[in-house]
C-alpha atoms as a PDB file:
ATOM      1  CA  MET A   1     103.615 164.631  96.560  1.00  0.00           C
ATOM      2  CA  MET A   2     103.994 160.871  96.780  1.00  0.00           C
ATOM      3  CA  ASN A   3     107.398 159.326  97.365  1.00  0.00           C
ATOM      4  CA  THR A   4     108.288 156.922  94.559  1.00  0.00           C
ATOM      5  CA  ASP A   5     110.122 154.660  97.013  1.00  0.00           C
ATOM      6  CA  THR A   6     106.928 152.851  98.009  1.00  0.00           C
ATOM      7  CA  SER A   7     108.574 150.114 100.057  1.00  0.00           C
ATOM      8  CA  PRO A   8     111.949 149.580 101.729  1.00  0.00           C
ATOM      9  CA  THR A   9     112.953 147.063  99.018  1.00  0.00           C
ATOM     10  CA  GLU A  10     111.648 148.998  96.015  1.00  0.00           C
ATOM     11  CA  ARG A  11     113.998 151.503  94.377  1.00  0.00           C
ATOM     12  CA  TYR A  12     113.675 153.469  91.161  1.00  0.00           C
ATOM     13  CA  LEU A  13     116.650 154.622  89.103  1.00  0.00           C
ATOM     14  CA  THR A  14     116.778 158.029  87.450  1.00  0.00           C
ATOM     15  CA  VAL A  15     118.020 158.560  83.893  1.00  0.00           C
ATOM     16  CA  PRO A  16     121.563 159.486  85.045  1.00  0.00           C
ATOM     17  CA  GLU A  17     121.695 156.499  87.427  1.00  0.00           C
ATOM     18  CA  LEU A  18     120.623 154.050  84.705  1.00  0.00           C
ATOM     19  CA  ALA A  19     123.096 155.586  82.264  1.00  0.00           C
ATOM     20  CA  GLU A  20     125.863 155.045  84.820  1.00  0.00           C
ATOM     21  CA  LEU A  21     124.735 151.456  85.483  1.00  0.00           C
ATOM     22  CA  LEU A  22     124.684 150.594  81.772  1.00  0.00           C
ATOM     23  CA  ARG A  23     127.742 152.751  80.980  1.00  0.00           C
ATOM     24  CA  ILE A  24     125.951 154.529  78.173  1.00  0.00           C
ATOM     25  CA  LYS A  25     125.016 158.135  77.449  1.00  0.00           C
ATOM     26  CA  GLU A  26     121.796 159.557  78.877  1.00  0.00           C
ATOM     27  CA  ARG A  27     120.430 160.114  75.370  1.00  0.00           C
ATOM     28  CA  LYS A  28     120.649 156.350  74.762  1.00  0.00           C
ATOM     29  CA  VAL A  29     118.602 155.771  77.936  1.00  0.00           C
ATOM     30  CA  TYR A  30     115.834 157.931  76.490  1.00  0.00           C
ATOM     31  CA  ASP A  31     115.982 155.915  73.259  1.00  0.00           C
ATOM     32  CA  LEU A  32     115.658 152.636  75.192  1.00  0.00           C
ATOM     33  CA  ALA A  33     112.693 153.964  77.158  1.00  0.00           C
ATOM     34  CA  ALA A  34     110.929 155.275  74.047  1.00  0.00           C
ATOM     35  CA  SER A  35     111.285 151.906  72.301  1.00  0.00           C
ATOM     36  CA  GLY A  36     109.983 150.005  75.325  1.00  0.00           C
ATOM     37  CA  ALA A  37     113.166 147.956  75.483  1.00  0.00           C
ATOM     38  CA  VAL A  38     113.889 148.752  79.129  1.00  0.00           C
ATOM     39  CA  PRO A  39     111.315 148.587  81.980  1.00  0.00           C
ATOM     40  CA  CYS A  40     110.283 152.108  82.957  1.00  0.00           C
ATOM     41  CA  SER A  41     107.543 154.169  84.551  1.00  0.00           C
ATOM     42  CA  LYS A  42     106.694 157.755  83.659  1.00  0.00           C
ATOM     43  CA  VAL A  43     105.520 159.764  86.678  1.00  0.00           C
ATOM     44  CA  THR A  44     104.556 163.429  86.103  1.00  0.00           C
ATOM     45  CA  GLY A  45     106.677 163.398  82.959  1.00  0.00           C
ATOM     46  CA  LYS A  46     109.760 162.020  84.727  1.00  0.00           C
ATOM     47  CA  LEU A  47     111.223 158.674  83.663  1.00  0.00           C
ATOM     48  CA  LEU A  48     111.930 156.245  86.500  1.00  0.00           C
ATOM     49  CA  PHE A  49     113.315 152.732  86.135  1.00  0.00           C
ATOM     50  CA  PRO A  50     112.451 149.972  88.671  1.00  0.00           C
ATOM     51  CA  GLU A  51     115.866 148.661  89.698  1.00  0.00           C
ATOM     52  CA  GLN A  52     114.878 145.020  90.235  1.00  0.00           C
ATOM     53  CA  ALA A  53     113.112 144.848  86.856  1.00  0.00           C
ATOM     54  CA  VAL A  54     116.118 146.470  85.154  1.00  0.00           C
ATOM     55  CA  ARG A  55     118.479 143.905  86.670  1.00  0.00           C
ATOM     56  CA  ARG A  56     116.193 141.067  85.513  1.00  0.00           C
ATOM     57  CA  TRP A  57     116.225 142.678  82.046  1.00  0.00           C
ATOM     58  CA  LEU A  58     120.017 142.665  82.086  1.00  0.00           C
ATOM     59  CA  GLU A  59     120.105 139.023  83.173  1.00  0.00           C
ATOM     60  CA  ARG A  60     117.869 138.051  80.241  1.00  0.00           C
ATOM     61  CA  GLY A  61     120.487 139.501  77.890  1.00  0.00           C
ATOM     62  CA  GLN A  62     123.299 137.352  79.263  1.00  0.00           C
ATOM     63  CA  THR A  63     124.693 134.637  77.013  1.00  0.00           C
ATOM     64  CA  GLY A  64     125.562 131.119  78.109  1.00  0.00           C
ATOM     65  CA  SER A  65     122.529 130.813  80.362  1.00  0.00           C
ATOM     66  CA  ALA A  66     120.649 127.545  80.628  1.00  0.00           C
ATOM     67  CA  GLN A  67     117.482 129.176  81.958  1.00  0.00           C
ATOM     68  CA  GLY A  68     115.766 128.928  78.544  1.00  0.00           C
ATOM     69  CA  HIS A  69     115.566 125.145  79.005  1.00  0.00           C
ATOM     70  CA  ALA A  70     114.243 125.224  82.569  1.00  0.00           C
ATOM     71  CA  ALA A  71     110.549 124.702  83.203  1.00  0.00           C
ATOM     72  CA  ARG A  72     108.628 127.777  84.298  1.00  0.00           C
ATOM     73  CA  PRO A  73     107.160 127.660  87.815  1.00  0.00           C
ATOM     74  CA  ALA A  74     103.370 127.214  87.882  1.00  0.00           C
ATOM     75  CA  VAL A  75     102.680 130.792  88.955  1.00  0.00           C
ATOM     76  CA  PHE A  76     100.235 133.334  87.520  1.00  0.00           C
ATOM     77  CA  LEU A  77     101.812 136.809  87.536  1.00  0.00           C
ATOM     78  CA  GLY A  78     100.766 140.340  86.697  1.00  0.00           C
ATOM     79  CA  SER A  79      97.813 142.508  87.595  1.00  0.00           C
ATOM     80  CA  HIS A  80      95.290 141.556  90.242  1.00  0.00           C
ATOM     81  CA  ASP A  81      91.750 140.980  88.993  1.00  0.00           C
ATOM     82  CA  PRO A  82      89.020 139.640  91.306  1.00  0.00           C
ATOM     83  CA  LEU A  83      87.358 137.571  88.558  1.00  0.00           C
ATOM     84  CA  LEU A  84      90.690 136.042  87.488  1.00  0.00           C
ATOM     85  CA  ASP A  85      91.586 135.295  91.098  1.00  0.00           C
ATOM     86  CA  TRP A  86      88.228 133.555  91.570  1.00  0.00           C
ATOM     87  CA  ALA A  87      88.489 131.607  88.295  1.00  0.00           C
ATOM     88  CA  LEU A  88      91.947 130.251  89.142  1.00  0.00           C
ATOM     89  CA  ARG A  89      90.662 128.930  92.466  1.00  0.00           C
ATOM     90  CA  GLN A  90      87.325 127.697  91.154  1.00  0.00           C
ATOM     91  CA  SER A  91      88.872 125.832  88.230  1.00  0.00           C
ATOM     92  CA  GLU A  92      91.082 123.865  90.656  1.00  0.00           C
ATOM     93  CA  CYS A  93      93.928 124.178  88.151  1.00  0.00           C
ATOM     94  CA  GLY A  94      96.572 124.311  90.884  1.00  0.00           C
ATOM     95  CA  ILE A  95      98.343 127.400  89.509  1.00  0.00           C
ATOM     96  CA  ALA A  96      99.632 129.706  92.259  1.00  0.00           C
ATOM     97  CA  THR A  97      99.443 133.499  92.052  1.00  0.00           C
ATOM     98  CA  PHE A  98     101.765 136.446  92.544  1.00  0.00           C
ATOM     99  CA  PHE A  99      99.938 139.631  91.565  1.00  0.00           C
ATOM    100  CA  ASP A 100     101.939 142.868  91.798  1.00  0.00           C
ATOM    101  CA  GLY A 101     100.987 144.889  88.740  1.00  0.00           C
ATOM    102  CA  SER A 102     101.117 144.581  84.957  1.00  0.00           C
ATOM    103  CA  GLN A 103     104.700 145.784  84.444  1.00  0.00           C
ATOM    104  CA  ASP A 104     106.003 143.584  87.240  1.00  0.00           C
ATOM    105  CA  GLY A 105     104.170 140.609  85.749  1.00  0.00           C
ATOM    106  CA  LEU A 106     105.477 141.291  82.263  1.00  0.00           C
ATOM    107  CA  ASP A 107     109.053 141.608  83.549  1.00  0.00           C
ATOM    108  CA  ARG A 108     108.792 138.429  85.600  1.00  0.00           C
ATOM    109  CA  PHE A 109     107.184 136.530  82.722  1.00  0.00           C
ATOM    110  CA  ALA A 110     110.059 137.564  80.447  1.00  0.00           C
ATOM    111  CA  ALA A 111     112.444 136.323  83.164  1.00  0.00           C
ATOM    112  CA  ARG A 112     110.594 132.948  83.173  1.00  0.00           C
ATOM    113  CA  GLU A 113     109.306 133.375  86.723  1.00  0.00           C
ATOM    114  CA  GLY A 114     105.784 132.212  85.869  1.00  0.00           C
ATOM    115  CA  VAL A 115     103.593 130.557  83.235  1.00  0.00           C
ATOM    116  CA  ALA A 116     101.231 133.485  82.640  1.00  0.00           C
ATOM    117  CA  ALA A 117     100.584 137.141  83.444  1.00  0.00           C
ATOM    118  CA  GLY A 118      97.428 139.256  83.578  1.00  0.00           C
ATOM    119  CA  LEU A 119      97.891 142.590  81.798  1.00  0.00           C
ATOM    120  CA  HIS A 120      96.027 145.843  81.157  1.00  0.00           C
ATOM    121  CA  MET A 121      98.668 148.121  79.635  1.00  0.00           C
ATOM    122  CA  PHE A 122      97.457 151.071  77.595  1.00  0.00           C
ATOM    123  CA  ASP A 123      99.405 152.396  74.602  1.00  0.00           C
ATOM    124  CA  ALA A 124      98.312 156.042  74.510  1.00  0.00           C
ATOM    125  CA  ASP A 125      99.831 156.661  71.050  1.00  0.00           C
ATOM    126  CA  ALA A 126      97.984 153.757  69.431  1.00  0.00           C
ATOM    127  CA  GLY A 127      94.931 153.889  71.696  1.00  0.00           C
ATOM    128  CA  ALA A 128      95.261 150.102  72.136  1.00  0.00           C
ATOM    129  CA  TRP A 129      95.839 147.592  74.906  1.00  0.00           C
ATOM    130  CA  ASN A 130      98.678 145.218  75.767  1.00  0.00           C
ATOM    131  CA  VAL A 131     100.000 144.109  72.367  1.00  0.00           C
ATOM    132  CA  ALA A 132     102.662 146.822  72.009  1.00  0.00           C
ATOM    133  CA  ALA A 133     103.979 146.225  75.536  1.00  0.00           C
ATOM    134  CA  VAL A 134     104.058 142.463  74.994  1.00  0.00           C
ATOM    135  CA  GLU A 135     105.844 142.725  71.645  1.00  0.00           C
ATOM    136  CA  ALA A 136     108.483 145.014  73.168  1.00  0.00           C
ATOM    137  CA  ALA A 137     109.070 142.839  76.239  1.00  0.00           C
ATOM    138  CA  VAL A 138     108.864 139.254  74.972  1.00  0.00           C
ATOM    139  CA  SER A 139     109.742 139.416  71.295  1.00  0.00           C
ATOM    140  CA  GLY A 140     110.984 135.998  70.247  1.00  0.00           C
ATOM    141  CA  VAL A 141     109.460 134.262  73.277  1.00  0.00           C
ATOM    142  CA  SER A 142     107.047 131.419  72.551  1.00  0.00           C
ATOM    143  CA  ALA A 143     103.875 132.851  74.051  1.00  0.00           C
ATOM    144  CA  VAL A 144     100.299 133.785  73.255  1.00  0.00           C
ATOM    145  CA  LEU A 145      98.115 136.670  74.420  1.00  0.00           C
ATOM    146  CA  LEU A 146      94.556 135.617  75.237  1.00  0.00           C
ATOM    147  CA  GLY A 147      91.543 137.784  75.888  1.00  0.00           C
ATOM    148  CA  PHE A 148      90.064 137.481  79.371  1.00  0.00           C
ATOM    149  CA  ALA A 149      87.599 140.333  79.896  1.00  0.00           C
ATOM    150  CA  LYS A 150      86.643 143.870  79.061  1.00  0.00           C
ATOM    151  CA  ARG A 151      86.307 145.790  82.341  1.00  0.00           C
ATOM    152  CA  ARG A 152      84.639 149.075  83.221  1.00  0.00           C
ATOM    153  CA  ARG A 153      87.008 151.242  85.219  1.00  0.00           C
ATOM    154  CA  GLY A 154      86.473 154.623  86.778  1.00  0.00           C
ATOM    155  CA  LEU A 155      86.459 156.503  90.069  1.00  0.00           C
ATOM    156  CA  VAL A 156      85.293 154.473  93.056  1.00  0.00           C
ATOM    157  CA  VAL A 157      84.078 157.047  95.575  1.00  0.00           C
ATOM    158  CA  LYS A 158      82.421 157.303  98.968  1.00  0.00           C
ATOM    159  CA  PRO A 159      78.627 156.937  98.765  1.00  0.00           C
ATOM    160  CA  GLY A 160      77.091 160.234  97.691  1.00  0.00           C
ATOM    161  CA  LEU A 161      80.258 161.706  96.201  1.00  0.00           C
ATOM    162  CA  GLU A 162      79.327 160.458  92.725  1.00  0.00           C
ATOM    163  CA  THR A 163      76.996 163.503  92.525  1.00  0.00           C
ATOM    164  CA  GLN A 164      79.980 165.804  93.111  1.00  0.00           C
ATOM    165  CA  ILE A 165      82.666 163.978  91.109  1.00  0.00           C
ATOM    166  CA  SER A 166      82.366 163.478  87.354  1.00  0.00           C
ATOM    167  CA  GLY A 167      86.032 163.105  86.368  1.00  0.00           C
ATOM    168  CA  VAL A 168      89.635 163.255  87.533  1.00  0.00           C
ATOM    169  CA  ALA A 169      89.570 167.071  87.691  1.00  0.00           C
ATOM    170  CA  ASP A 170      87.096 166.825  90.584  1.00  0.00           C
ATOM    171  CA  LEU A 171      89.696 164.951  92.669  1.00  0.00           C
ATOM    172  CA  VAL A 172      91.652 168.165  93.257  1.00  0.00           C
ATOM    173  CA  GLY A 173      91.634 168.904  96.988  1.00  0.00           C
ATOM    174  CA  ARG A 174      90.351 165.423  97.877  1.00  0.00           C
ATOM    175  CA  THR A 175      92.119 162.304  99.148  1.00  0.00           C
ATOM    176  CA  MET A 176      92.786 159.511  96.693  1.00  0.00           C
ATOM    177  CA  THR A 177      94.417 156.072  96.984  1.00  0.00           C
ATOM    178  CA  PRO A 178      96.773 155.341  94.044  1.00  0.00           C
ATOM    179  CA  ARG A 179      98.317 152.078  92.858  1.00  0.00           C
ATOM    180  CA  GLN A 180     102.071 151.536  92.722  1.00  0.00           C
ATOM    181  CA  PRO A 181     104.171 152.784  89.770  1.00  0.00           C
ATOM    182  CA  GLY A 182     104.299 150.063  87.120  1.00  0.00           C
ATOM    183  CA  ALA A 183     100.735 148.870  87.776  1.00  0.00           C
ATOM    184  CA  GLY A 184      98.541 149.188  84.686  1.00  0.00           C
ATOM    185  CA  THR A 185      95.994 151.072  86.782  1.00  0.00           C
ATOM    186  CA  ARG A 186      98.579 153.648  87.844  1.00  0.00           C
ATOM    187  CA  THR A 187      99.940 154.148  84.328  1.00  0.00           C
ATOM    188  CA  LEU A 188      96.444 154.717  82.963  1.00  0.00           C
ATOM    189  CA  PHE A 189      95.523 157.072  85.808  1.00  0.00           C
ATOM    190  CA  ASP A 190      98.692 159.128  85.228  1.00  0.00           C
ATOM    191  CA  HIS A 191      97.719 159.334  81.550  1.00  0.00           C
ATOM    192  CA  LEU A 192      94.259 160.647  82.444  1.00  0.00           C
ATOM    193  CA  LEU A 193      95.796 163.238  84.782  1.00  0.00           C
ATOM    194  CA  ARG A 194      98.080 164.469  81.998  1.00  0.00           C
ATOM    195  CA  GLU A 195      95.160 164.654  79.570  1.00  0.00           C
ATOM    196  CA  ALA A 196      93.192 166.737  82.091  1.00  0.00           C
ATOM    197  CA  ASP A 197      96.293 168.865  82.860  1.00  0.00           C
ATOM    198  CA  ILE A 198      96.053 167.965  86.565  1.00  0.00           C
ATOM    199  CA  LEU A 199      99.195 167.898  88.724  1.00  0.00           C
ATOM    200  CA  PRO A 200      99.327 164.934  91.139  1.00  0.00           C
ATOM    201  CA  ASP A 201     100.370 167.159  94.046  1.00  0.00           C
ATOM    202  CA  THR A 202      96.985 168.933  93.878  1.00  0.00           C
ATOM    203  CA  ILE A 203      95.403 165.662  95.053  1.00  0.00           C
ATOM    204  CA  GLY A 204      95.903 164.253  98.542  1.00  0.00           C
ATOM    205  CA  LEU A 205      97.585 160.994  97.555  1.00  0.00           C
ATOM    206  CA  ARG A 206      97.552 158.321 100.255  1.00  0.00           C
ATOM    207  CA  PRO A 207     100.066 155.430 100.467  1.00  0.00           C
ATOM    208  CA  VAL A 208      99.861 153.138  97.448  1.00  0.00           C
ATOM    209  CA  ALA A 209      97.648 150.047  97.435  1.00  0.00           C
ATOM    210  CA  ARG A 210      99.188 147.004  95.778  1.00  0.00           C
ATOM    211  CA  SER A 211      95.937 145.385  94.621  1.00  0.00           C
ATOM    212  CA  GLU A 212      92.569 146.429  93.212  1.00  0.00           C
ATOM    213  CA  ALA A 213      90.853 145.125  96.347  1.00  0.00           C
ATOM    214  CA  ASP A 214      93.137 147.008  98.746  1.00  0.00           C
ATOM    215  CA  ALA A 215      92.602 150.290  96.886  1.00  0.00           C
ATOM    216  CA  VAL A 216      88.820 150.005  97.062  1.00  0.00           C
ATOM    217  CA  LEU A 217      88.973 148.905 100.705  1.00  0.00           C
ATOM    218  CA  ASP A 218      90.657 152.229 101.505  1.00  0.00           C
ATOM    219  CA  VAL A 219      87.542 153.997 100.235  1.00  0.00           C
ATOM    220  CA  ALA A 220      85.163 151.562 101.915  1.00  0.00           C
ATOM    221  CA  THR A 221      86.758 152.181 105.326  1.00  0.00           C
ATOM    222  CA  GLY A 222      86.573 155.958 104.860  1.00  0.00           C
ATOM    223  CA  ALA A 223      90.347 156.447 104.744  1.00  0.00           C
ATOM    224  CA  SER A 224      90.160 157.871 101.225  1.00  0.00           C
ATOM    225  CA  ASP A 225      87.585 159.781  99.172  1.00  0.00           C
ATOM    226  CA  ALA A 226      88.288 157.897  95.970  1.00  0.00           C
ATOM    227  CA  THR A 227      90.424 155.474  93.991  1.00  0.00           C
ATOM    228  CA  PHE A 228      90.716 154.604  90.313  1.00  0.00           C
ATOM    229  CA  GLY A 229      89.180 151.157  90.351  1.00  0.00           C
ATOM    230  CA  LEU A 230      86.780 148.574  88.984  1.00  0.00           C
ATOM    231  CA  GLU A 231      83.013 148.853  88.900  1.00  0.00           C
ATOM    232  CA  ALA A 232      82.688 145.279  90.175  1.00  0.00           C
ATOM    233  CA  LEU A 233      84.520 146.089  93.410  1.00  0.00           C
ATOM    234  CA  ALA A 234      82.628 149.368  93.860  1.00  0.00           C
ATOM    235  CA  ALA A 235      79.358 147.430  93.702  1.00  0.00           C
ATOM    236  CA  GLN A 236      80.636 144.749  96.068  1.00  0.00           C
ATOM    237  CA  HIS A 237      81.361 147.385  98.726  1.00  0.00           C
ATOM    238  CA  HIS A 238      78.235 149.488  97.990  1.00  0.00           C
ATOM    239  CA  LEU A 239      80.316 152.492  96.929  1.00  0.00           C
ATOM    240  CA  GLY A 240      79.699 155.170  94.319  1.00  0.00           C
ATOM    241  CA  PHE A 241      81.125 154.669  90.842  1.00  0.00           C
ATOM    242  CA  VAL A 242      81.914 157.161  88.075  1.00  0.00           C
ATOM    243  CA  PRO A 243      82.677 155.256  84.829  1.00  0.00           C
ATOM    244  CA  LEU A 244      85.606 156.627  82.799  1.00  0.00           C
ATOM    245  CA  ILE A 245      86.933 153.903  80.497  1.00  0.00           C
ATOM    246  CA  GLU A 246      86.526 150.322  79.279  1.00  0.00           C
ATOM    247  CA  GLU A 247      89.785 148.405  79.243  1.00  0.00           C
ATOM    248  CA  ASN A 248      91.046 145.074  77.933  1.00  0.00           C
ATOM    249  CA  PHE A 249      92.396 142.703  80.558  1.00  0.00           C
ATOM    250  CA  ASP A 250      94.368 140.020  78.721  1.00  0.00           C
ATOM    251  CA  LEU A 251      96.425 136.979  79.678  1.00  0.00           C
ATOM    252  CA  LEU A 252      99.966 136.426  78.421  1.00  0.00           C
ATOM    253  CA  VAL A 253     100.565 132.658  78.503  1.00  0.00           C
ATOM    254  CA  SER A 254     103.652 130.553  77.800  1.00  0.00           C
ATOM    255  CA  ARG A 255     102.878 128.414  74.745  1.00  0.00           C
ATOM    256  CA  ARG A 256     104.405 125.362  76.398  1.00  0.00           C
ATOM    257  CA  ALA A 257     102.339 125.887  79.555  1.00  0.00           C
ATOM    258  CA  TYR A 258      99.199 126.465  77.464  1.00  0.00           C
ATOM    259  CA  PHE A 259      99.161 122.832  76.382  1.00  0.00           C
ATOM    260  CA  GLU A 260      99.887 121.391  79.837  1.00  0.00           C
ATOM    261  CA  PRO A 261      97.030 120.056  82.032  1.00  0.00           C
ATOM    262  CA  PRO A 262      96.861 122.893  84.635  1.00  0.00           C
ATOM    263  CA  MET A 263      96.468 125.651  82.028  1.00  0.00           C
ATOM    264  CA  GLN A 264      94.164 123.522  79.878  1.00  0.00           C
ATOM    265  CA  ARG A 265      91.928 122.997  82.909  1.00  0.00           C
ATOM    266  CA  PHE A 266      91.850 126.747  83.530  1.00  0.00           C
ATOM    267  CA  ILE A 267      91.162 127.613  79.856  1.00  0.00           C
ATOM    268  CA  ALA A 268      88.348 125.061  79.760  1.00  0.00           C
ATOM    269  CA  PHE A 269      86.802 126.682  82.832  1.00  0.00           C
ATOM    270  CA  LEU A 270      86.788 130.058  81.039  1.00  0.00           C
ATOM    271  CA  ARG A 271      84.427 128.497  78.486  1.00  0.00           C
ATOM    272  CA  SER A 272      82.071 127.067  81.120  1.00  0.00           C
ATOM    273  CA  ASP A 273      78.571 128.246  82.038  1.00  0.00           C
ATOM    274  CA  GLY A 274      79.741 128.635  85.641  1.00  0.00           C
ATOM    275  CA  PHE A 275      82.361 131.198  84.653  1.00  0.00           C
ATOM    276  CA  ALA A 276      79.948 133.134  82.425  1.00  0.00           C
ATOM    277  CA  SER A 277      77.276 133.166  85.141  1.00  0.00           C
ATOM    278  CA  HIS A 278      79.648 134.434  87.802  1.00  0.00           C
ATOM    279  CA  ALA A 279      80.990 137.168  85.522  1.00  0.00           C
ATOM    280  CA  ALA A 280      77.437 138.233  84.680  1.00  0.00           C
ATOM    281  CA  ALA A 281      76.610 138.514  88.384  1.00  0.00           C
ATOM    282  CA  LEU A 282      79.437 141.032  88.763  1.00  0.00           C
ATOM    283  CA  ARG A 283      79.133 144.530  87.364  1.00  0.00           C
ATOM    284  CA  GLY A 284      81.418 145.861  84.688  1.00  0.00           C
ATOM    285  CA  TYR A 285      82.673 142.652  83.029  1.00  0.00           C
ATOM    286  CA  ASP A 286      82.256 141.447  79.455  1.00  0.00           C
ATOM    287  CA  VAL A 287      83.769 137.955  79.039  1.00  0.00           C
ATOM    288  CA  SER A 288      82.335 137.151  75.620  1.00  0.00           C
ATOM    289  CA  GLU A 289      85.872 136.937  74.163  1.00  0.00           C
ATOM    290  CA  ALA A 290      87.502 135.032  77.022  1.00  0.00           C
ATOM    291  CA  GLY A 291      90.125 132.639  75.654  1.00  0.00           C
ATOM    292  CA  SER A 292      90.312 134.269  72.196  1.00  0.00           C
ATOM    293  CA  VAL A 293      93.788 134.815  70.737  1.00  0.00           C
ATOM    294  CA  ARG A 294      94.873 138.466  70.515  1.00  0.00           C
ATOM    295  CA  TRP A 295      98.553 137.964  69.685  1.00  0.00           C
ATOM    296  CA  ASN A 296     100.868 135.080  68.789  1.00  0.00           C
ATOM    297  CA  GLY A 297     104.544 135.179  69.672  1.00  0.00           C
END
C-alpha cells in the first residue's frame, strides 16, 4: 500500500489531527470536508488533509490582511497538461508555470499565489467537472472559469497489454504509476477504483509521478505496466491506450489578470489557427470550446 507521505515536505493530517489544530470536534471536521470548505483528499475512504493547503486556508480567513490588494504573481498553477504547457510557451505571453495538481492549484489560486490554474476536478455526485470545486474554494473571489479542452483519459499501458487490459479491474496484480493525492487524475482514479470495488493494495503501486508526462514516462521506460493518463501522451510514446473517460480541463483565471496584456495574449492564441492545428495533431483533444466561459465569480 502506498505511503501518503509522498515527499519529505508533504504531510497529511488525519481527522483527529485537524480537529486538534482547529480546536473543534471531529464531527465538525467531517462537515467541513463534506461541504468542500477545507482542502481534503479521500484515499480508500479515509479523509486526509494536506497540511500546507490547510494552513493557507487558515491564512485566507485572517482579518486585517492587506494581501487582497496585492497584485498576483504572473504564474499559471494547477494541473499539468502538455497542450497548455505548449500554448503558454508558444503564445510568448510571459506567464510562468507551477504545475502540481488541481487541488494544489486551486488552493494556491485562492491564496493569490498565481493568476490562473488548470483544473480537472470531478464531482461524482453531480457527474460534472470543476464548477462545484471552484465555487467552494473561491466563492466571492473575482474570477472566471474558462473552457480549455475536452481530453480523452484512460489506461496508458505497455505495447500489447491493451489486448489484456480493458478496465481498472485488470490492473490487479500489475504495476501501476499513480499521481499524488490532490491531483485531479488521482482523485478520478480513486473514484473509478471505488466504483469497480477494487482495493488499491491489490495493485502494485509505484512511487507517485507529479506530472502527466512523468507518469507516462514510467510506462515508456518499462518501470510500470500502466498509468491513468492522457491519450495524447500515450500516442507520443507509442504506447497502448484503453479509453475510459472524457474529461473537461478548464482554466480558472483572475478577472483582473484576464484583462491584462499577458493573459490577453494567451487567450488570443487559444483562438488562433496555430493552436487549433496543433491540438488536432495530438490525439484525444477537443478544443472547440477553448476560451468559452463556464462560470463567473
